[in-house]
Amino acid sequence: MTEISETIPKIIEDEKQDRVYHVRVILFNDEVNTFPHVESCLMKICFKSKKEAKRIAMEAHSEGKATCYQGSLEECETVADKLATEKLTVSIES
């Protein structure tokens, strides 16, 4: 019984956090940018590790798009603007 009572508050907290940060920056695949450039931007602008940046770049390449950042609307707008300045194709979704 103890395990269930400890798990439920964690699940509720995770759901609250998902609702707070429901805005996402979506990275789209394009034929212009190289993998190293995209990965570098994801590491520098989105604060991703090299491994995570590679995963996101590959997902965008193979699936056509990938979530590269999740946060408040203001944070996502800032991140999207910086990525667009680097000539990456992005949008904001909520």
Protein backbone atom coordinates (compact mmCIF):
# COMPACT_ATOMS: atom_id res chain seq x y z
CA MET A 1 0.00 0.00 0.00
CA THR A 2 2.87 2.35 0.69
CA GLU A 3 4.17 2.05 -2.87
CA ILE A 4 0.85 3.10 -4.39
CA SER A 5 0.45 6.08 -2.08
CA GLU A 6 3.96 7.23 -2.99
CA THR A 7 3.40 6.74 -6.73
CA ILE A 8 0.10 8.64 -7.00
CA PRO A 9 1.49 12.02 -5.82
CA LYS A 10 4.37 11.62 -8.31
CA ILE A 11 1.94 10.98 -11.18
CA ILE A 12 -0.19 13.97 -10.18
CA GLU A 13 2.91 16.18 -9.98
CA ASP A 14 4.06 14.99 -13.44
CA GLU A 15 0.63 15.80 -14.89
CA LYS A 16 0.70 19.29 -13.35
CA GLN A 17 4.12 19.95 -14.85
CA ASP A 18 2.96 18.79 -18.30
CA ARG A 19 0.06 21.28 -18.13
CA VAL A 20 2.32 24.14 -17.08
CA TYR A 21 4.72 23.55 -19.97
CA HIS A 22 2.30 22.58 -22.70
CA VAL A 23 3.89 24.83 -25.33
CA ARG A 24 6.44 23.19 -27.63
CA VAL A 25 8.88 24.29 -30.30
CA ILE A 26 8.70 22.01 -33.32
CA LEU A 27 11.74 21.57 -35.57
CA PHE A 28 10.99 20.68 -39.20
CA ASN A 29 13.18 18.79 -41.61
CA ASP A 30 14.64 20.77 -44.50
CA GLU A 31 17.06 20.17 -47.33
CA VAL A 32 19.31 23.12 -46.45
CA ASN A 33 20.78 22.65 -42.99
CA THR A 34 23.42 20.04 -42.18
CA PHE A 35 23.21 17.66 -39.25
CA PRO A 36 26.20 19.29 -37.50
CA HIS A 37 24.59 22.74 -37.77
CA VAL A 38 21.22 21.53 -36.47
CA GLU A 39 22.85 19.60 -33.62
CA SER A 40 24.99 22.59 -32.67
CA CYS A 41 21.93 24.87 -32.56
CA LEU A 42 20.00 22.38 -30.43
CA MET A 43 22.87 22.14 -27.96
CA LYS A 44 23.49 25.88 -27.81
CA ILE A 45 19.93 27.25 -27.96
CA CYS A 46 17.80 24.42 -26.54
CA PHE A 47 20.39 23.27 -23.98
CA LYS A 48 20.38 19.69 -25.27
CA SER A 49 23.17 17.18 -24.77
CA LYS A 50 25.00 16.01 -27.87
CA LYS A 51 23.17 12.67 -27.70
CA GLU A 52 19.75 14.33 -27.36
CA ALA A 53 20.55 16.82 -30.15
CA LYS A 54 21.46 13.94 -32.47
CA ARG A 55 18.23 12.12 -31.58
CA ILE A 56 16.07 15.19 -32.25
CA ALA A 57 17.86 15.94 -35.54
CA MET A 58 17.40 12.35 -36.70
CA GLU A 59 13.72 12.35 -35.68
CA ALA A 60 13.12 15.57 -37.63
CA HIS A 61 14.95 14.08 -40.62
CA SER A 62 13.08 10.75 -40.60
CA GLU A 63 9.63 11.85 -39.36
CA GLY A 64 9.56 15.34 -40.88
CA LYS A 65 9.37 17.10 -37.51
CA ALA A 66 10.40 16.76 -33.87
CA THR A 67 9.79 18.54 -30.59
CA CYS A 68 13.02 20.28 -29.70
CA TYR A 69 11.93 22.39 -26.72
CA GLN A 70 9.06 22.52 -24.24
CA GLY A 71 8.36 25.38 -21.85
CA SER A 72 6.31 28.49 -21.25
CA LEU A 73 5.03 30.50 -24.21
CA GLU A 74 7.63 33.21 -23.59
CA GLU A 75 10.49 30.68 -23.43
CA CYS A 76 9.30 28.93 -26.58
CA GLU A 77 9.00 32.22 -28.46
CA THR A 78 12.58 33.10 -27.51
CA VAL A 79 13.91 29.67 -28.48
CA ALA A 80 11.98 29.66 -31.78
CA ASP A 81 13.29 33.14 -32.66
CA LYS A 82 16.88 32.09 -31.98
CA LEU A 83 16.51 28.88 -34.02
CA ALA A 84 14.91 30.82 -36.89
CA THR A 85 17.84 33.26 -36.79
CA GLU A 86 20.05 30.23 -37.43
CA LYS A 87 17.88 29.45 -40.50
CA LEU A 88 16.14 26.44 -38.96
CA THR A 89 12.47 25.88 -39.77
CA VAL A 90 10.44 25.89 -36.56
CA SER A 91 6.97 26.56 -35.25
CA ILE A 92 5.32 26.86 -31.84
CA GLU A 93 2.50 24.51 -30.86
CA SER A 94 0.40 24.44 -27.72
